[in-house]
Amino acid sequence: MLAAVRPLTDGDLARDAVADLLDLLIASGDLLELREELQGRMVRLVYLGPPSYVEKAPGTYMLLGVRPFGAWLVSADLAAQTSREGHARLIELDAAQATETFRAAGLQRLDRQRWVASPAVEPASRLVRRISERLDVAGRGGEIEGLQILDPTTPVRYYRGRWREPRPSDSGDFVARRPQAYGADLWSVVRIEDGAATRIFQLPVDDPVLPARDEAWRLQLAIDSERGFPQRYSAEPFAGGGSRVVKFFSPIPGFAERYLQLVGMPLAGTPGALFAFRVPDAAMPDLTQLLSELLWMEPVPEETK
């Protein structure tokens, strides 16, 4: 896997960074993560996304998907017109001829609105309350070996440092991960009383098609907002003018990341951020509204940048 994704980076790719890159590829649709029943249990398998495209703006298109056996996504002529920024592949074509060109290349069109489909707007308190009510009737917890919780009292700008084992002083509802015999850790929500897990259920719950981490990350965004410490993003002027560098310090759900890919461009290796996008000034008002209404995020105050 490390060898397969290394060409998507501009430098050396550390082994522990592979999972982050896979998250980006799944969020965009280059890879698909689907739930299936395998040998009597539900698992999530990763498949190659179908060759497709989505229109960023008239004449500018994002290419998505992977062909098997190392085959090129498009012909050599179209590949020569394709540029890459981060993991995103872009191509500019005459808008009047683009549909026919893509059809001849075997790429299917993705509707913009369906590609960035987002949940309904709701207060953070409602999501937190809905999850709490579900925990009220969830299965018993008990001793869970290897359980990790996302500590809401830790700084929101250091995501990896927020994960830890439960402590005897912990009580409340937490986003959690727990190991399984095969595959990645399971995303869950757990109720803890005096350091012991009393109730737990597995994500996702709202949409079985979505990756579980999408629901987990959005729930944590709601929890942080309810505690009065909303997660932050930074929007700084881009050196070339006309756009902003929007930096994020924690992961965000896939629908928000797809929206960022649609209106902006991913920036690889941005110092001081988990990931970042370059977003045109004209797109900032709508992006700010999405981050505020659907993720309850706030910009970093100017004096703290």
Protein backbone atom coordinates (compact mmCIF):
# COMPACT_ATOMS: atom_id res chain seq x y z
CA MET A 1 0.00 0.00 0.00
CA LEU A 2 2.86 2.37 0.82
CA ALA A 3 4.36 1.81 -2.62
CA ALA A 4 0.99 2.25 -4.32
CA VAL A 5 0.22 5.68 -2.88
CA ARG A 6 3.75 7.12 -2.69
CA PRO A 7 3.48 8.70 -6.21
CA LEU A 8 0.67 10.93 -4.88
CA THR A 9 3.09 12.81 -2.65
CA ASP A 10 5.84 15.24 -3.57
CA GLY A 11 8.36 13.74 -1.15
CA ASP A 12 8.88 10.77 1.10
CA LEU A 13 5.71 9.30 2.58
CA ALA A 14 6.00 7.99 6.12
CA ARG A 15 4.26 4.71 6.83
CA ASP A 16 2.06 6.27 9.51
CA ALA A 17 0.84 8.88 6.99
CA VAL A 18 -0.65 6.26 4.67
CA ALA A 19 -3.94 6.16 6.60
CA ASP A 20 -4.35 9.96 6.30
CA LEU A 21 -3.80 9.78 2.54
CA LEU A 22 -6.27 6.92 2.21
CA ASP A 23 -8.85 9.00 4.08
CA LEU A 24 -8.40 11.75 1.46
CA LEU A 25 -8.78 9.28 -1.41
CA ILE A 26 -11.92 7.79 0.12
CA ALA A 27 -13.39 11.22 0.83
CA SER A 28 -12.95 12.28 -2.80
CA GLY A 29 -14.24 9.03 -4.32
CA ASP A 30 -11.00 7.70 -5.79
CA LEU A 31 -11.58 4.79 -3.43
CA LEU A 32 -14.89 3.54 -2.02
CA GLU A 33 -15.36 2.17 1.50
CA LEU A 34 -18.49 0.01 1.70
CA ARG A 35 -20.11 -2.13 4.39
CA GLU A 36 -20.63 -5.79 3.52
CA GLU A 37 -21.35 -9.03 5.31
CA LEU A 38 -18.35 -11.35 5.26
CA GLN A 39 -18.40 -14.74 6.94
CA GLY A 40 -21.32 -13.78 9.15
CA ARG A 41 -20.09 -10.38 10.30
CA MET A 42 -20.34 -6.85 8.97
CA VAL A 43 -17.05 -5.44 7.68
CA ARG A 44 -15.97 -2.42 5.66
CA LEU A 45 -14.07 -3.13 2.45
CA VAL A 46 -12.20 -0.69 0.21
CA TYR A 47 -12.79 -0.81 -3.55
CA LEU A 48 -11.46 1.15 -6.50
CA GLY A 49 -13.76 4.07 -7.31
CA PRO A 50 -15.29 4.00 -10.82
CA PRO A 51 -13.63 6.23 -13.45
CA SER A 52 -15.59 9.48 -13.28
CA TYR A 53 -15.43 13.26 -13.23
CA VAL A 54 -17.10 16.19 -11.52
CA GLU A 55 -17.29 19.77 -12.79
CA LYS A 56 -15.55 22.30 -10.54
CA ALA A 57 -16.39 25.18 -12.90
CA PRO A 58 -17.28 25.36 -16.61
CA GLY A 59 -14.21 24.07 -18.43
CA THR A 60 -12.46 22.78 -15.26
CA TYR A 61 -13.03 19.22 -14.09
CA MET A 62 -11.77 16.92 -11.35
CA LEU A 63 -10.94 13.36 -12.36
CA LEU A 64 -11.85 10.59 -9.91
CA GLY A 65 -11.53 6.85 -9.67
CA VAL A 66 -8.91 4.20 -10.34
CA ARG A 67 -8.71 1.60 -13.09
CA PRO A 68 -7.53 -1.87 -12.08
CA PHE A 69 -4.18 -3.44 -12.93
CA GLY A 70 -2.40 -0.10 -13.14
CA ALA A 71 -4.23 1.02 -16.29
CA TRP A 72 -4.31 4.76 -16.99
CA LEU A 73 -7.50 6.55 -16.06
CA VAL A 74 -7.52 8.45 -19.38
CA SER A 75 -5.58 8.29 -22.64
CA ALA A 76 -2.05 9.63 -22.93
CA ASP A 77 -3.35 12.71 -24.80
CA LEU A 78 -5.76 13.62 -21.98
CA ALA A 79 -3.21 12.68 -19.33
CA ALA A 80 -0.84 15.26 -20.83
CA GLN A 81 -3.49 17.92 -20.15
CA THR A 82 -4.04 16.77 -16.57
CA SER A 83 -2.42 18.53 -13.63
CA ARG A 84 -2.11 17.38 -10.04
CA GLU A 85 -2.22 19.33 -6.82
CA GLY A 86 -1.95 17.17 -3.74
CA HIS A 87 -3.99 14.04 -4.47
CA ALA A 88 -6.42 15.87 -6.77
CA ARG A 89 -6.28 15.50 -10.57
CA LEU A 90 -7.58 18.38 -12.68
CA ILE A 91 -8.13 18.85 -16.39
CA GLU A 92 -9.29 21.85 -18.41
CA LEU A 93 -11.34 21.21 -21.55
CA ASP A 94 -13.64 23.12 -23.86
CA ALA A 95 -16.93 23.04 -21.92
CA ALA A 96 -18.92 22.48 -25.13
CA GLN A 97 -16.95 19.32 -25.92
CA ALA A 98 -16.13 18.04 -22.45
CA THR A 99 -19.14 15.72 -22.06
CA GLU A 100 -18.41 13.89 -25.30
CA THR A 101 -14.69 13.73 -24.55
CA PHE A 102 -15.29 12.16 -21.16
CA ARG A 103 -17.88 9.74 -22.55
CA ALA A 104 -15.40 8.56 -25.17
CA ALA A 105 -12.81 8.10 -22.40
CA GLY A 106 -15.21 5.90 -20.41
CA LEU A 107 -15.69 8.37 -17.53
CA GLN A 108 -19.10 8.86 -15.95
CA ARG A 109 -20.36 12.25 -14.82
CA LEU A 110 -21.00 12.84 -11.11
CA ASP A 111 -23.63 15.39 -10.20
CA ARG A 112 -22.10 18.23 -8.17
CA GLN A 113 -24.93 18.38 -5.64
CA ARG A 114 -25.00 14.63 -5.03
CA TRP A 115 -21.21 14.50 -4.72
CA VAL A 116 -21.21 17.05 -1.90
CA ALA A 117 -24.52 15.94 -0.34
CA SER A 118 -24.52 17.13 3.26
CA PRO A 119 -26.67 16.45 6.34
CA ALA A 120 -29.44 18.78 7.43
CA VAL A 121 -28.59 21.89 9.41
CA GLU A 122 -29.17 21.38 13.13
CA PRO A 123 -27.82 22.79 16.40
CA ALA A 124 -24.86 20.95 17.89
CA SER A 125 -26.93 20.38 21.03
CA ARG A 126 -29.52 18.38 19.08
CA LEU A 127 -26.93 15.98 17.66
CA VAL A 128 -25.33 15.49 21.09
CA ARG A 129 -28.73 14.88 22.67
CA ARG A 130 -29.74 12.40 19.94
CA ILE A 131 -26.57 10.37 20.49
CA SER A 132 -27.06 10.47 24.27
CA GLU A 133 -30.59 9.13 23.89
CA ARG A 134 -29.30 6.31 21.72
CA LEU A 135 -26.73 5.45 24.38
CA ASP A 136 -29.53 5.24 26.94
CA VAL A 137 -30.80 2.09 25.20
CA ALA A 138 -27.48 0.79 23.82
CA GLY A 139 -25.84 -2.49 24.77
CA ARG A 140 -23.84 -2.91 27.95
CA GLY A 141 -20.19 -1.99 27.81
CA GLY A 142 -18.10 -3.89 30.31
CA GLU A 143 -14.35 -4.45 30.02
CA ILE A 144 -13.19 -3.39 26.54
CA GLU A 145 -9.54 -4.14 25.91
CA GLY A 146 -7.66 -1.48 23.97
CA LEU A 147 -10.45 1.12 24.18
CA GLN A 148 -9.35 4.66 23.25
CA ILE A 149 -11.47 7.77 23.78
CA LEU A 150 -11.23 11.22 22.25
CA ASP A 151 -10.68 13.54 25.21
CA PRO A 152 -12.86 16.68 24.78
CA THR A 153 -10.87 18.57 27.43
CA THR A 154 -7.66 18.55 25.38
CA PRO A 155 -6.69 21.30 22.88
CA VAL A 156 -8.74 21.08 19.69
CA ARG A 157 -5.73 22.06 17.56
CA TYR A 158 -3.82 18.82 18.22
CA TYR A 159 -6.01 15.97 17.01
CA ARG A 160 -3.68 13.02 17.56
CA GLY A 161 -2.88 14.18 21.07
CA ARG A 162 -6.56 14.02 22.05
CA TRP A 163 -6.72 10.21 21.97
CA ARG A 164 -6.02 8.26 25.17
CA GLU A 165 -7.17 5.38 27.35
CA PRO A 166 -10.04 5.96 29.83
CA ARG A 167 -9.08 7.10 33.32
CA PRO A 168 -10.87 6.42 36.64
CA SER A 169 -11.95 10.07 36.75
CA ASP A 170 -13.75 9.91 33.37
CA SER A 171 -17.53 10.11 33.23
CA GLY A 172 -19.66 11.06 30.24
CA ASP A 173 -20.26 10.20 26.59
CA PHE A 174 -17.21 9.95 24.33
CA VAL A 175 -16.24 9.25 20.74
CA ALA A 176 -14.18 6.07 20.93
CA ARG A 177 -12.22 3.50 18.97
CA ARG A 178 -11.72 -0.13 19.87
CA PRO A 179 -9.62 -2.82 18.21
CA GLN A 180 -10.98 -5.83 16.40
CA ALA A 181 -9.30 -9.09 15.46
CA TYR A 182 -8.94 -8.15 11.78
CA GLY A 183 -9.06 -4.74 10.14
CA ALA A 184 -8.96 -1.19 11.40
CA ASP A 185 -10.23 -0.15 14.82
CA LEU A 186 -14.00 0.22 15.12
CA TRP A 187 -15.50 3.68 15.61
CA SER A 188 -17.96 3.80 18.47
CA VAL A 189 -19.68 6.03 21.01
CA VAL A 190 -19.23 4.96 24.62
CA ARG A 191 -20.73 6.02 27.94
CA ILE A 192 -18.21 5.94 30.75
CA GLU A 193 -18.90 6.12 34.48
CA ASP A 194 -15.93 6.41 36.85
CA GLY A 195 -13.59 5.14 34.16
CA ALA A 196 -15.66 2.08 33.21
CA ALA A 197 -17.58 1.65 29.93
CA THR A 198 -21.24 1.12 30.78
CA ARG A 199 -22.87 1.43 27.35
CA ILE A 200 -21.53 1.42 23.80
CA PHE A 201 -22.72 1.29 20.19
CA GLN A 202 -20.90 1.17 16.89
CA LEU A 203 -20.95 3.84 14.20
CA PRO A 204 -22.35 4.69 11.70
CA VAL A 205 -25.98 5.06 12.79
CA ASP A 206 -27.50 7.82 10.62
CA ASP A 207 -26.35 6.47 7.25
CA PRO A 208 -24.93 2.93 6.90
CA VAL A 209 -23.24 3.88 3.62
CA LEU A 210 -21.09 6.60 5.18
CA PRO A 211 -17.68 5.81 6.66
CA ALA A 212 -18.04 5.51 10.43
CA ARG A 213 -15.33 8.11 11.01
CA ASP A 214 -17.45 10.77 9.26
CA GLU A 215 -20.16 10.46 11.92
CA ALA A 216 -17.53 10.24 14.67
CA TRP A 217 -15.72 13.39 13.58
CA ARG A 218 -18.97 15.36 13.19
CA LEU A 219 -20.12 14.23 16.63
CA GLN A 220 -16.83 15.40 18.15
CA LEU A 221 -17.26 18.75 16.42
CA ALA A 222 -20.68 19.02 18.08
CA ILE A 223 -19.31 17.99 21.49
CA ASP A 224 -16.52 20.57 21.31
CA SER A 225 -18.98 23.28 20.29
CA GLU A 226 -21.35 22.40 23.14
CA ARG A 227 -18.49 22.61 25.64
CA GLY A 228 -17.72 26.14 24.48
CA PHE A 229 -14.47 25.21 22.73
CA PRO A 230 -15.45 24.87 19.06
CA GLN A 231 -12.94 23.48 16.62
CA ARG A 232 -11.14 26.14 14.60
CA TYR A 233 -9.90 26.75 11.09
CA SER A 234 -7.50 29.41 9.88
CA ALA A 235 -7.98 31.48 6.71
CA GLU A 236 -4.85 33.34 5.67
CA PRO A 237 -4.11 35.33 2.48
CA PHE A 238 -2.46 33.29 -0.27
CA ALA A 239 0.89 34.64 -1.44
CA GLY A 240 -0.32 35.02 -5.03
CA GLY A 241 -3.43 37.00 -4.03
CA GLY A 242 -7.07 36.38 -4.92
CA SER A 243 -7.49 33.41 -2.57
CA ARG A 244 -7.03 32.22 0.99
CA VAL A 245 -5.14 29.30 2.54
CA VAL A 246 -7.71 27.57 4.76
CA LYS A 247 -5.97 25.41 7.37
CA PHE A 248 -7.57 22.66 9.43
CA PHE A 249 -6.15 21.13 12.61
CA SER A 250 -8.50 18.16 12.97
CA PRO A 251 -10.17 15.90 10.39
CA ILE A 252 -13.59 16.82 9.05
CA PRO A 253 -16.38 14.66 7.56
CA GLY A 254 -16.14 13.58 3.94
CA PHE A 255 -18.95 15.80 2.65
CA ALA A 256 -17.11 18.92 3.86
CA GLU A 257 -13.83 17.74 2.38
CA ARG A 258 -15.50 17.08 -0.98
CA TYR A 259 -16.94 20.58 -0.91
CA LEU A 260 -13.45 21.96 -0.31
CA GLN A 261 -12.13 19.94 -3.24
CA LEU A 262 -14.92 21.35 -5.40
CA VAL A 263 -14.32 25.02 -4.59
CA GLY A 264 -10.59 24.92 -3.81
CA MET A 265 -7.35 23.02 -4.23
CA PRO A 266 -5.62 20.80 -1.64
CA LEU A 267 -2.20 21.96 -0.50
CA ALA A 268 0.33 19.30 0.42
CA GLY A 269 2.56 19.65 3.46
CA THR A 270 1.23 22.90 4.89
CA PRO A 271 3.19 23.68 8.09
CA GLY A 272 1.17 23.93 11.30
CA ALA A 273 -1.94 22.23 9.92
CA LEU A 274 -3.30 18.71 9.57
CA PHE A 275 -4.32 19.65 6.01
CA ALA A 276 -5.11 22.81 4.03
CA PHE A 277 -6.86 24.06 0.90
CA ARG A 278 -6.39 27.12 -1.29
CA VAL A 279 -9.84 28.67 -1.73
CA PRO A 280 -10.73 31.63 -3.99
CA ASP A 281 -11.91 34.72 -2.15
CA ALA A 282 -15.27 34.52 -3.95
CA ALA A 283 -15.92 31.05 -2.49
CA MET A 284 -15.09 31.97 1.11
CA PRO A 285 -18.55 33.24 2.20
CA ASP A 286 -20.28 29.95 1.25
CA LEU A 287 -17.47 27.89 2.77
CA THR A 288 -17.62 29.88 6.00
CA GLN A 289 -21.37 29.26 6.17
CA LEU A 290 -20.94 25.51 5.66
CA LEU A 291 -18.27 25.24 8.34
CA SER A 292 -20.36 27.29 10.76
CA GLU A 293 -23.80 25.73 10.19
CA LEU A 294 -22.91 22.08 9.55
CA LEU A 295 -19.71 21.65 11.59
CA TRP A 296 -20.12 24.42 14.20
CA MET A 297 -16.56 25.61 13.54
CA GLU A 298 -15.18 29.10 14.09
CA PRO A 299 -12.22 30.91 12.50
CA VAL A 300 -9.03 31.34 14.48
CA PRO A 301 -9.09 34.87 15.97
CA GLU A 302 -6.77 37.24 14.13
CA GLU A 303 -4.74 38.02 17.23
CA THR A 304 -3.87 34.33 17.77
CA LYS A 305 -2.74 33.46 14.25
